[in-house]
Amino acid sequence: MNIEHKLSGKNGLFYINESGNRIGELIYSLEGADDSVMLIKHVEVKPELRGQGIGNKLVKEAADHSRREGLKVRPLCYFARVSMRSDDYKDVLA
């Protein structure tokens, strides 16, 4: 499962395509005076694929990206907020 990333200005997207169809996505924007905070706005997975860990993989990729880029994360989306309660994400939470 390959997670791809797009950034356009202050708006970003992590997504997974399979056979030409988008099966999951995480939408975020960069905020703060120096764009140092990633606001996770929405995580969505196709209904028939929910419960398979796809959303969690997208959240993990966003957190790993934030570490590489020196960003902090503020999960506004309920799914992301719950997923990031683990100690694995304490270092990136804003």
PDB file of N, CA and C in Angstrom:
ATOM      1  N   MET A   1       0.846  -1.170   0.000  1.00  0.00           N
ATOM      2  CA  MET A   1       0.000   0.000   0.000  1.00  0.00           C
ATOM      3  C   MET A   1       0.896   1.238   0.000  1.00  0.00           C
ATOM      4  N   ASN A   2       0.858   1.985  -1.075  1.00  0.00           N
ATOM      5  CA  ASN A   2       1.708   3.147  -1.251  1.00  0.00           C
ATOM      6  C   ASN A   2       0.934   4.419  -0.902  1.00  0.00           C
ATOM      7  N   ILE A   3       1.466   5.199   0.034  1.00  0.00           N
ATOM      8  CA  ILE A   3       0.840   6.453   0.419  1.00  0.00           C
ATOM      9  C   ILE A   3       1.544   7.574  -0.338  1.00  0.00           C
ATOM     10  N   GLU A   4       0.750   8.379  -1.029  1.00  0.00           N
ATOM     11  CA  GLU A   4       1.287   9.498  -1.796  1.00  0.00           C
ATOM     12  C   GLU A   4       0.959  10.806  -1.081  1.00  0.00           C
ATOM     13  N   HIS A   5       1.708  11.852  -1.415  1.00  0.00           N
ATOM     14  CA  HIS A   5       1.557  13.147  -0.750  1.00  0.00           C
ATOM     15  C   HIS A   5       1.537  14.254  -1.789  1.00  0.00           C
ATOM     16  N   LYS A   6       0.639  15.214  -1.588  1.00  0.00           N
ATOM     17  CA  LYS A   6       0.587  16.414  -2.424  1.00  0.00           C
ATOM     18  C   LYS A   6       0.499  17.612  -1.494  1.00  0.00           C
ATOM     19  N   LEU A   7       1.195  18.665  -1.848  1.00  0.00           N
ATOM     20  CA  LEU A   7       1.136  19.923  -1.108  1.00  0.00           C
ATOM     21  C   LEU A   7       0.960  21.040  -2.113  1.00  0.00           C
ATOM     22  N   SER A   8      -0.056  21.858  -1.900  1.00  0.00           N
ATOM     23  CA  SER A   8      -0.326  22.996  -2.766  1.00  0.00           C
ATOM     24  C   SER A   8      -0.516  24.211  -1.868  1.00  0.00           C
ATOM     25  N   GLY A   9       0.502  25.059  -1.826  1.00  0.00           N
ATOM     26  CA  GLY A   9       0.449  26.196  -0.915  1.00  0.00           C
ATOM     27  C   GLY A   9       0.461  25.708   0.520  1.00  0.00           C
ATOM     28  N   LYS A  10      -0.587  26.017   1.262  1.00  0.00           N
ATOM     29  CA  LYS A  10      -0.685  25.602   2.664  1.00  0.00           C
ATOM     30  C   LYS A  10      -1.591  24.394   2.852  1.00  0.00           C
ATOM     31  N   ASN A  11      -2.085  23.821   1.764  1.00  0.00           N
ATOM     32  CA  ASN A  11      -3.005  22.689   1.844  1.00  0.00           C
ATOM     33  C   ASN A  11      -2.326  21.419   1.376  1.00  0.00           C
ATOM     34  N   GLY A  12      -2.480  20.362   2.185  1.00  0.00           N
ATOM     35  CA  GLY A  12      -1.827  19.106   1.865  1.00  0.00           C
ATOM     36  C   GLY A  12      -2.772  17.926   1.902  1.00  0.00           C
ATOM     37  N   LEU A  13      -2.326  16.835   1.313  1.00  0.00           N
ATOM     38  CA  LEU A  13      -3.129  15.640   1.190  1.00  0.00           C
ATOM     39  C   LEU A  13      -2.210  14.421   1.170  1.00  0.00           C
ATOM     40  N   PHE A  14      -2.523  13.448   2.002  1.00  0.00           N
ATOM     41  CA  PHE A  14      -1.919  12.121   1.920  1.00  0.00           C
ATOM     42  C   PHE A  14      -3.036  11.219   1.412  1.00  0.00           C
ATOM     43  N   TYR A  15      -2.722  10.348   0.444  1.00  0.00           N
ATOM     44  CA  TYR A  15      -3.776   9.511  -0.103  1.00  0.00           C
ATOM     45  C   TYR A  15      -3.222   8.172  -0.580  1.00  0.00           C
ATOM     46  N   ILE A  16      -4.145   7.231  -0.708  1.00  0.00           N
ATOM     47  CA  ILE A  16      -3.817   5.887  -1.178  1.00  0.00           C
ATOM     48  C   ILE A  16      -4.730   5.576  -2.347  1.00  0.00           C
ATOM     49  N   ASN A  17      -4.132   5.216  -3.459  1.00  0.00           N
ATOM     50  CA  ASN A  17      -4.876   4.770  -4.639  1.00  0.00           C
ATOM     51  C   ASN A  17      -4.612   3.285  -4.835  1.00  0.00           C
ATOM     52  N   GLU A  18      -5.654   2.565  -5.197  1.00  0.00           N
ATOM     53  CA  GLU A  18      -5.518   1.168  -5.588  1.00  0.00           C
ATOM     54  C   GLU A  18      -6.310   0.968  -6.868  1.00  0.00           C
ATOM     55  N   SER A  19      -5.667   0.450  -7.866  1.00  0.00           N
ATOM     56  CA  SER A  19      -6.298   0.211  -9.167  1.00  0.00           C
ATOM     57  C   SER A  19      -6.968   1.467  -9.704  1.00  0.00           C
ATOM     58  N   GLY A  20      -6.327   2.614  -9.504  1.00  0.00           N
ATOM     59  CA  GLY A  20      -6.849   3.868 -10.024  1.00  0.00           C
ATOM     60  C   GLY A  20      -7.945   4.509  -9.199  1.00  0.00           C
ATOM     61  N   ASN A  21      -8.289   3.903  -8.064  1.00  0.00           N
ATOM     62  CA  ASN A  21      -9.341   4.444  -7.204  1.00  0.00           C
ATOM     63  C   ASN A  21      -8.754   4.893  -5.877  1.00  0.00           C
ATOM     64  N   ARG A  22      -9.145   6.076  -5.431  1.00  0.00           N
ATOM     65  CA  ARG A  22      -8.688   6.560  -4.130  1.00  0.00           C
ATOM     66  C   ARG A  22      -9.476   5.832  -3.044  1.00  0.00           C
ATOM     67  N   ILE A  23      -8.739   5.124  -2.177  1.00  0.00           N
ATOM     68  CA  ILE A  23      -9.421   4.366  -1.122  1.00  0.00           C
ATOM     69  C   ILE A  23      -9.328   5.044   0.235  1.00  0.00           C
ATOM     70  N   GLY A  24      -8.428   6.005   0.372  1.00  0.00           N
ATOM     71  CA  GLY A  24      -8.312   6.718   1.632  1.00  0.00           C
ATOM     72  C   GLY A  24      -7.545   8.007   1.460  1.00  0.00           C
ATOM     73  N   GLU A  25      -7.869   8.992   2.326  1.00  0.00           N
ATOM     74  CA  GLU A  25      -7.158  10.262   2.259  1.00  0.00           C
ATOM     75  C   GLU A  25      -7.153  10.955   3.611  1.00  0.00           C
ATOM     76  N   LEU A  26      -6.128  11.764   3.814  1.00  0.00           N
ATOM     77  CA  LEU A  26      -5.980  12.608   4.992  1.00  0.00           C
ATOM     78  C   LEU A  26      -5.724  14.014   4.472  1.00  0.00           C
ATOM     79  N   ILE A  27      -6.566  14.951   4.868  1.00  0.00           N
ATOM     80  CA  ILE A  27      -6.470  16.332   4.409  1.00  0.00           C
ATOM     81  C   ILE A  27      -5.967  17.195   5.556  1.00  0.00           C
ATOM     82  N   TYR A  28      -4.997  18.061   5.253  1.00  0.00           N
ATOM     83  CA  TYR A  28      -4.455  18.939   6.280  1.00  0.00           C
ATOM     84  C   TYR A  28      -4.136  20.309   5.715  1.00  0.00           C
ATOM     85  N   SER A  29      -3.889  21.250   6.603  1.00  0.00           N
ATOM     86  CA  SER A  29      -3.389  22.562   6.195  1.00  0.00           C
ATOM     87  C   SER A  29      -2.273  22.957   7.143  1.00  0.00           C
ATOM     88  N   LEU A  30      -1.402  23.823   6.669  1.00  0.00           N
ATOM     89  CA  LEU A  30      -0.308  24.343   7.475  1.00  0.00           C
ATOM     90  C   LEU A  30      -0.738  25.676   8.066  1.00  0.00           C
ATOM     91  N   GLU A  31      -0.502  25.853   9.346  1.00  0.00           N
ATOM     92  CA  GLU A  31      -0.906  27.061  10.059  1.00  0.00           C
ATOM     93  C   GLU A  31       0.261  27.578  10.879  1.00  0.00           C
ATOM     94  N   GLY A  32       0.050  28.714  11.496  1.00  0.00           N
ATOM     95  CA  GLY A  32       1.080  29.304  12.342  1.00  0.00           C
ATOM     96  C   GLY A  32       1.872  30.336  11.566  1.00  0.00           C
ATOM     97  N   ALA A  33       2.583  31.160  12.293  1.00  0.00           N
ATOM     98  CA  ALA A  33       3.347  32.250  11.680  1.00  0.00           C
ATOM     99  C   ALA A  33       4.345  31.734  10.650  1.00  0.00           C
ATOM    100  N   ASP A  34       4.928  30.591  10.900  1.00  0.00           N
ATOM    101  CA  ASP A  34       5.924  30.040   9.975  1.00  0.00           C
ATOM    102  C   ASP A  34       5.474  28.697   9.377  1.00  0.00           C
ATOM    103  N   ASP A  35       4.165  28.482   9.318  1.00  0.00           N
ATOM    104  CA  ASP A  35       3.593  27.240   8.772  1.00  0.00           C
ATOM    105  C   ASP A  35       4.163  26.001   9.454  1.00  0.00           C
ATOM    106  N   SER A  36       4.343  26.080  10.765  1.00  0.00           N
ATOM    107  CA  SER A  36       4.987  24.989  11.493  1.00  0.00           C
ATOM    108  C   SER A  36       3.996  24.047  12.185  1.00  0.00           C
ATOM    109  N   VAL A  37       2.696  24.258  11.959  1.00  0.00           N
ATOM    110  CA  VAL A  37       1.687  23.395  12.568  1.00  0.00           C
ATOM    111  C   VAL A  37       0.834  22.776  11.470  1.00  0.00           C
ATOM    112  N   MET A  38       0.758  21.444  11.490  1.00  0.00           N
ATOM    113  CA  MET A  38      -0.082  20.709  10.552  1.00  0.00           C
ATOM    114  C   MET A  38      -1.434  20.470  11.224  1.00  0.00           C
ATOM    115  N   LEU A  39      -2.480  21.068  10.682  1.00  0.00           N
ATOM    116  CA  LEU A  39      -3.837  20.845  11.182  1.00  0.00           C
ATOM    117  C   LEU A  39      -4.466  19.718  10.371  1.00  0.00           C
ATOM    118  N   ILE A  40      -4.669  18.583  11.008  1.00  0.00           N
ATOM    119  CA  ILE A  40      -5.327  17.476  10.306  1.00  0.00           C
ATOM    120  C   ILE A  40      -6.825  17.738  10.370  1.00  0.00           C
ATOM    121  N   LYS A  41      -7.407  17.978   9.196  1.00  0.00           N
ATOM    122  CA  LYS A  41      -8.806  18.374   9.113  1.00  0.00           C
ATOM    123  C   LYS A  41      -9.755  17.206   8.868  1.00  0.00           C
ATOM    124  N   HIS A  42      -9.280  16.195   8.162  1.00  0.00           N
ATOM    125  CA  HIS A  42     -10.207  15.125   7.768  1.00  0.00           C
ATOM    126  C   HIS A  42      -9.436  13.868   7.374  1.00  0.00           C
ATOM    127  N   VAL A  43      -9.931  12.735   7.838  1.00  0.00           N
ATOM    128  CA  VAL A  43      -9.420  11.434   7.404  1.00  0.00           C
ATOM    129  C   VAL A  43     -10.625  10.644   6.925  1.00  0.00           C
ATOM    130  N   GLU A  44     -10.512  10.089   5.732  1.00  0.00           N
ATOM    131  CA  GLU A  44     -11.631   9.315   5.188  1.00  0.00           C
ATOM    132  C   GLU A  44     -11.115   8.080   4.475  1.00  0.00           C
ATOM    133  N   VAL A  45     -11.829   6.975   4.693  1.00  0.00           N
ATOM    134  CA  VAL A  45     -11.533   5.704   4.038  1.00  0.00           C
ATOM    135  C   VAL A  45     -12.847   5.206   3.440  1.00  0.00           C
ATOM    136  N   LYS A  46     -12.779   4.606   2.269  1.00  0.00           N
ATOM    137  CA  LYS A  46     -13.997   4.060   1.664  1.00  0.00           C
ATOM    138  C   LYS A  46     -14.704   3.171   2.684  1.00  0.00           C
ATOM    139  N   PRO A  47     -16.017   3.314   2.808  1.00  0.00           N
ATOM    140  CA  PRO A  47     -16.767   2.569   3.829  1.00  0.00           C
ATOM    141  C   PRO A  47     -16.521   1.065   3.822  1.00  0.00           C
ATOM    142  N   GLU A  48     -16.420   0.471   2.657  1.00  0.00           N
ATOM    143  CA  GLU A  48     -16.252  -0.985   2.598  1.00  0.00           C
ATOM    144  C   GLU A  48     -14.863  -1.436   3.044  1.00  0.00           C
ATOM    145  N   LEU A  49     -13.929  -0.492   3.224  1.00  0.00           N
ATOM    146  CA  LEU A  49     -12.563  -0.832   3.626  1.00  0.00           C
ATOM    147  C   LEU A  49     -12.241  -0.389   5.053  1.00  0.00           C
ATOM    148  N   ARG A  50     -13.190   0.186   5.730  1.00  0.00           N
ATOM    149  CA  ARG A  50     -12.955   0.642   7.099  1.00  0.00           C
ATOM    150  C   ARG A  50     -12.687  -0.551   8.005  1.00  0.00           C
ATOM    151  N   GLY A  51     -11.905  -0.305   9.056  1.00  0.00           N
ATOM    152  CA  GLY A  51     -11.566  -1.363  10.004  1.00  0.00           C
ATOM    153  C   GLY A  51     -10.346  -2.170   9.602  1.00  0.00           C
ATOM    154  N   GLN A  52      -9.681  -1.782   8.519  1.00  0.00           N
ATOM    155  CA  GLN A  52      -8.512  -2.508   8.048  1.00  0.00           C
ATOM    156  C   GLN A  52      -7.206  -1.767   8.341  1.00  0.00           C
ATOM    157  N   GLY A  53      -7.291  -0.666   9.086  1.00  0.00           N
ATOM    158  CA  GLY A  53      -6.086   0.062   9.473  1.00  0.00           C
ATOM    159  C   GLY A  53      -5.607   1.096   8.473  1.00  0.00           C
ATOM    160  N   ILE A  54      -6.366   1.342   7.429  1.00  0.00           N
ATOM    161  CA  ILE A  54      -5.947   2.284   6.396  1.00  0.00           C
ATOM    162  C   ILE A  54      -5.876   3.703   6.960  1.00  0.00           C
ATOM    163  N   GLY A  55      -6.878   4.105   7.715  1.00  0.00           N
ATOM    164  CA  GLY A  55      -6.877   5.439   8.324  1.00  0.00           C
ATOM    165  C   GLY A  55      -5.693   5.627   9.257  1.00  0.00           C
ATOM    166  N   ASN A  56      -5.386   4.609  10.043  1.00  0.00           N
ATOM    167  CA  ASN A  56      -4.242   4.685  10.957  1.00  0.00           C
ATOM    168  C   ASN A  56      -2.927   4.803  10.197  1.00  0.00           C
ATOM    169  N   LYS A  57      -2.827   4.145   9.049  1.00  0.00           N
ATOM    170  CA  LYS A  57      -1.610   4.251   8.230  1.00  0.00           C
ATOM    171  C   LYS A  57      -1.445   5.679   7.699  1.00  0.00           C
ATOM    172  N   LEU A  58      -2.550   6.306   7.326  1.00  0.00           N
ATOM    173  CA  LEU A  58      -2.494   7.689   6.857  1.00  0.00           C
ATOM    174  C   LEU A  58      -2.067   8.628   7.982  1.00  0.00           C
ATOM    175  N   VAL A  59      -2.605   8.421   9.181  1.00  0.00           N
ATOM    176  CA  VAL A  59      -2.228   9.248  10.331  1.00  0.00           C
ATOM    177  C   VAL A  59      -0.749   9.059  10.646  1.00  0.00           C
ATOM    178  N   LYS A  60      -0.283   7.812  10.618  1.00  0.00           N
ATOM    179  CA  LYS A  60       1.134   7.552  10.892  1.00  0.00           C
ATOM    180  C   LYS A  60       2.028   8.232   9.853  1.00  0.00           C
ATOM    181  N   GLU A  61       1.641   8.177   8.596  1.00  0.00           N
ATOM    182  CA  GLU A  61       2.431   8.825   7.543  1.00  0.00           C
ATOM    183  C   GLU A  61       2.474  10.339   7.756  1.00  0.00           C
ATOM    184  N   ALA A  62       1.348  10.933   8.146  1.00  0.00           N
ATOM    185  CA  ALA A  62       1.318  12.374   8.420  1.00  0.00           C
ATOM    186  C   ALA A  62       2.245  12.714   9.585  1.00  0.00           C
ATOM    187  N   ALA A  63       2.242  11.894  10.636  1.00  0.00           N
ATOM    188  CA  ALA A  63       3.122  12.123  11.785  1.00  0.00           C
ATOM    189  C   ALA A  63       4.588  11.962  11.393  1.00  0.00           C
ATOM    190  N   ASP A  64       4.894  10.945  10.611  1.00  0.00           N
ATOM    191  CA  ASP A  64       6.274  10.738  10.164  1.00  0.00           C
ATOM    192  C   ASP A  64       6.735  11.918   9.303  1.00  0.00           C
ATOM    193  N   HIS A  65       5.853  12.396   8.447  1.00  0.00           N
ATOM    194  CA  HIS A  65       6.166  13.567   7.621  1.00  0.00           C
ATOM    195  C   HIS A  65       6.435  14.787   8.500  1.00  0.00           C
ATOM    196  N   SER A  66       5.608  14.971   9.518  1.00  0.00           N
ATOM    197  CA  SER A  66       5.793  16.129  10.405  1.00  0.00           C
ATOM    198  C   SER A  66       7.138  16.045  11.133  1.00  0.00           C
ATOM    199  N   ARG A  67       7.547  14.870  11.505  1.00  0.00           N
ATOM    200  CA  ARG A  67       8.863  14.703  12.154  1.00  0.00           C
ATOM    201  C   ARG A  67       9.990  15.080  11.189  1.00  0.00           C
ATOM    202  N   ARG A  68       9.902  14.598   9.969  1.00  0.00           N
ATOM    203  CA  ARG A  68      10.939  14.897   8.972  1.00  0.00           C
ATOM    204  C   ARG A  68      11.018  16.394   8.679  1.00  0.00           C
ATOM    205  N   GLU A  69       9.880  17.059   8.698  1.00  0.00           N
ATOM    206  CA  GLU A  69       9.814  18.474   8.330  1.00  0.00           C
ATOM    207  C   GLU A  69       9.878  19.422   9.523  1.00  0.00           C
ATOM    208  N   GLY A  70       9.937  18.877  10.736  1.00  0.00           N
ATOM    209  CA  GLY A  70       9.998  19.719  11.928  1.00  0.00           C
ATOM    210  C   GLY A  70       8.685  20.415  12.245  1.00  0.00           C
ATOM    211  N   LEU A  71       7.579  19.769  11.939  1.00  0.00           N
ATOM    212  CA  LEU A  71       6.249  20.335  12.179  1.00  0.00           C
ATOM    213  C   LEU A  71       5.640  19.749  13.450  1.00  0.00           C
ATOM    214  N   LYS A  72       4.713  20.483  14.027  1.00  0.00           N
ATOM    215  CA  LYS A  72       3.873  19.961  15.095  1.00  0.00           C
ATOM    216  C   LYS A  72       2.513  19.661  14.484  1.00  0.00           C
ATOM    217  N   VAL A  73       1.760  18.751  15.106  1.00  0.00           N
ATOM    218  CA  VAL A  73       0.479  18.323  14.566  1.00  0.00           C
ATOM    219  C   VAL A  73      -0.642  18.676  15.549  1.00  0.00           C
ATOM    220  N   ARG A  74      -1.695  19.239  15.008  1.00  0.00           N
ATOM    221  CA  ARG A  74      -2.911  19.488  15.778  1.00  0.00           C
ATOM    222  C   ARG A  74      -4.042  18.749  15.060  1.00  0.00           C
ATOM    223  N   PRO A  75      -4.465  17.589  15.600  1.00  0.00           N
ATOM    224  CA  PRO A  75      -5.521  16.815  14.944  1.00  0.00           C
ATOM    225  C   PRO A  75      -6.907  17.385  15.262  1.00  0.00           C
ATOM    226  N   LEU A  76      -7.527  18.042  14.307  1.00  0.00           N
ATOM    227  CA  LEU A  76      -8.875  18.565  14.481  1.00  0.00           C
ATOM    228  C   LEU A  76      -9.923  17.486  14.219  1.00  0.00           C
ATOM    229  N   CYS A  77      -9.621  16.598  13.311  1.00  0.00           N
ATOM    230  CA  CYS A  77     -10.504  15.489  12.949  1.00  0.00           C
ATOM    231  C   CYS A  77     -10.588  14.502  14.118  1.00  0.00           C
ATOM    232  N   TYR A  78     -11.786  14.065  14.436  1.00  0.00           N
ATOM    233  CA  TYR A  78     -11.993  13.152  15.565  1.00  0.00           C
ATOM    234  C   TYR A  78     -11.180  11.871  15.394  1.00  0.00           C
ATOM    235  N   PHE A  79     -11.211  11.279  14.216  1.00  0.00           N
ATOM    236  CA  PHE A  79     -10.476  10.034  13.988  1.00  0.00           C
ATOM    237  C   PHE A  79      -8.987  10.226  14.256  1.00  0.00           C
ATOM    238  N   ALA A  80      -8.411  11.290  13.719  1.00  0.00           N
ATOM    239  CA  ALA A  80      -6.981  11.546  13.917  1.00  0.00           C
ATOM    240  C   ALA A  80      -6.685  11.811  15.389  1.00  0.00           C
ATOM    241  N   ARG A  81      -7.555  12.559  16.050  1.00  0.00           N
ATOM    242  CA  ARG A  81      -7.348  12.873  17.468  1.00  0.00           C
ATOM    243  C   ARG A  81      -7.314  11.590  18.299  1.00  0.00           C
ATOM    244  N   VAL A  82      -8.239  10.688  18.061  1.00  0.00           N
ATOM    245  CA  VAL A  82      -8.278   9.414  18.789  1.00  0.00           C
ATOM    246  C   VAL A  82      -7.065   8.557  18.431  1.00  0.00           C
ATOM    247  N   SER A  83      -6.719   8.506  17.158  1.00  0.00           N
ATOM    248  CA  SER A  83      -5.575   7.700  16.719  1.00  0.00           C
ATOM    249  C   SER A  83      -4.268   8.183  17.327  1.00  0.00           C
ATOM    250  N   MET A  84      -4.168   9.478  17.595  1.00  0.00           N
ATOM    251  CA  MET A  84      -2.910  10.054  18.074  1.00  0.00           C
ATOM    252  C   MET A  84      -2.828  10.133  19.600  1.00  0.00           C
ATOM    253  N   ARG A  85      -3.714   9.462  20.302  1.00  0.00           N
ATOM    254  CA  ARG A  85      -3.656   9.433  21.774  1.00  0.00           C
ATOM    255  C   ARG A  85      -2.502   8.581  22.288  1.00  0.00           C
ATOM    256  N   SER A  86      -1.966   7.738  21.455  1.00  0.00           N
ATOM    257  CA  SER A  86      -0.883   6.838  21.835  1.00  0.00           C
ATOM    258  C   SER A  86       0.402   7.621  22.128  1.00  0.00           C
ATOM    259  N   ASP A  87       1.236   7.054  22.978  1.00  0.00           N
ATOM    260  CA  ASP A  87       2.531   7.663  23.303  1.00  0.00           C
ATOM    261  C   ASP A  87       3.414   7.823  22.066  1.00  0.00           C
ATOM    262  N   ASP A  88       3.140   7.044  21.027  1.00  0.00           N
ATOM    263  CA  ASP A  88       3.941   7.106  19.799  1.00  0.00           C
ATOM    264  C   ASP A  88       3.890   8.470  19.136  1.00  0.00           C
ATOM    265  N   TYR A  89       2.895   9.289  19.487  1.00  0.00           N
ATOM    266  CA  TYR A  89       2.712  10.573  18.823  1.00  0.00           C
ATOM    267  C   TYR A  89       2.947  11.776  19.730  1.00  0.00           C
ATOM    268  N   LYS A  90       3.309  11.558  20.973  1.00  0.00           N
ATOM    269  CA  LYS A  90       3.483  12.673  21.914  1.00  0.00           C
ATOM    270  C   LYS A  90       4.484  13.719  21.421  1.00  0.00           C
ATOM    271  N   ASP A  91       5.515  13.263  20.725  1.00  0.00           N
ATOM    272  CA  ASP A  91       6.560  14.196  20.279  1.00  0.00           C
ATOM    273  C   ASP A  91       6.103  15.143  19.175  1.00  0.00           C
ATOM    274  N   VAL A  92       5.025  14.831  18.474  1.00  0.00           N
ATOM    275  CA  VAL A  92       4.601  15.696  17.370  1.00  0.00           C
ATOM    276  C   VAL A  92       3.366  16.528  17.685  1.00  0.00           C
ATOM    277  N   LEU A  93       2.680  16.228  18.765  1.00  0.00           N
ATOM    278  CA  LEU A  93       1.449  16.959  19.056  1.00  0.00           C
ATOM    279  C   LEU A  93       1.719  18.395  19.475  1.00  0.00           C
ATOM    280  N   ALA A  94       0.935  19.292  18.922  1.00  0.00           N
ATOM    281  CA  ALA A  94       1.066  20.728  19.237  1.00  0.00           C
ATOM    282  C   ALA A  94       0.326  21.035  20.541  1.00  0.00           C
TER     283      ALA A  94
END
